C-alpha atoms as a PDB file:
ATOM      1  CA  UNK A   1      -4.925 -33.617 -20.774  1.00  0.00           C
ATOM      2  CA  UNK A   2      -6.905 -30.455 -20.109  1.00  0.00           C
ATOM      3  CA  UNK A   3      -9.982 -32.527 -19.249  1.00  0.00           C
ATOM      4  CA  UNK A   4      -8.058 -34.405 -16.531  1.00  0.00           C
ATOM      5  CA  UNK A   5      -6.587 -31.206 -15.098  1.00  0.00           C
ATOM      6  CA  UNK A   6      -9.858 -29.507 -14.141  1.00  0.00           C
ATOM      7  CA  UNK A   7     -11.242 -32.121 -11.711  1.00  0.00           C
ATOM      8  CA  UNK A   8      -7.815 -32.423 -10.106  1.00  0.00           C
ATOM      9  CA  UNK A   9      -7.698 -28.666  -9.521  1.00  0.00           C
ATOM     10  CA  UNK A  10     -11.161 -28.806  -7.962  1.00  0.00           C
ATOM     11  CA  UNK A  11     -10.050 -31.602  -5.635  1.00  0.00           C
ATOM     12  CA  UNK A  12      -6.964 -29.609  -4.632  1.00  0.00           C
ATOM     13  CA  UNK A  13      -9.030 -26.474  -4.054  1.00  0.00           C
ATOM     14  CA  UNK A  14     -11.569 -28.361  -1.934  1.00  0.00           C
ATOM     15  CA  UNK A  15      -8.759 -29.947   0.069  1.00  0.00           C
ATOM     16  CA  UNK A  16      -7.141 -26.548   0.658  1.00  0.00           C
ATOM     17  CA  UNK A  17     -10.459 -25.066   1.763  1.00  0.00           C
ATOM     18  CA  UNK A  18     -11.136 -27.877   4.222  1.00  0.00           C
ATOM     19  CA  UNK A  19      -7.582 -27.617   5.571  1.00  0.00           C
ATOM     20  CA  UNK A  20      -8.044 -23.880   6.055  1.00  0.00           C
ATOM     21  CA  UNK A  21     -11.350 -24.499   7.836  1.00  0.00           C
ATOM     22  CA  UNK A  22      -9.778 -27.089  10.100  1.00  0.00           C
ATOM     23  CA  UNK A  23      -6.933 -24.705  10.962  1.00  0.00           C
ATOM     24  CA  UNK A  24      -9.387 -21.893  11.662  1.00  0.00           C
ATOM     25  CA  UNK A  25     -11.442 -24.175  13.889  1.00  0.00           C
ATOM     26  CA  UNK A  26      -8.335 -25.263  15.772  1.00  0.00           C
ATOM     27  CA  UNK A  27      -7.303 -21.621  16.233  1.00  0.00           C
ATOM     28  CA  UNK A  28     -10.799 -20.781  17.495  1.00  0.00           C
ATOM     29  CA  UNK A  29     -10.721 -23.627  20.021  1.00  0.00           C
ATOM     30  CA  UNK A  30      -7.260 -22.528  21.124  1.00  0.00           C
ATOM     31  CA  UNK A  31      -8.410 -18.921  21.549  1.00  0.00           C
ATOM     32  CA  UNK A  32     -11.457 -20.033  23.532  1.00  0.00           C
ATOM     33  CA  UNK A  33      -9.250 -22.065  25.842  1.00  0.00           C
ATOM     34  CA  UNK A  34      -7.064 -19.015  26.430  1.00  0.00           C
ATOM     35  CA  UNK A  35     -10.077 -16.845  27.181  1.00  0.00           C
ATOM     36  CA  UNK A  36     -11.450 -19.387  29.637  1.00  0.00           C
ATOM     37  CA  UNK A  37      -8.062 -19.673  31.319  1.00  0.00           C
ATOM     38  CA  UNK A  38      -7.797 -15.886  31.590  1.00  0.00           C
ATOM     39  CA  UNK A  39     -11.302 -15.623  33.074  1.00  0.00           C
ATOM     40  CA  UNK A  40     -10.452 -18.373  35.520  1.00  0.00           C
ATOM     41  CA  UNK A  41      -7.308 -16.524  36.583  1.00  0.00           C
ATOM     42  CA  UNK A  42      -9.208 -13.252  37.011  1.00  0.00           C
ATOM     43  CA  UNK A  43     -11.914 -14.906  39.128  1.00  0.00           C
ATOM     44  CA  UNK A  44      -9.438 -16.596  41.451  1.00  0.00           C
ATOM     45  CA  UNK A  45      -9.568 -15.130  44.923  1.00  0.00           C
ATOM     46  CA  UNK A  46      -6.439 -13.196  45.747  1.00  0.00           C
END
């Protein structure tokens, strides 16, 4: 049983890491969009 458990844990860990990366990337894209929007608003002629 212990032999089966280790690879499964590695798979779970890898999945968690890739999920975290995907979330971070999505947050980064979201932040960039906000920055661009803010810059666009600031550059708009009054």
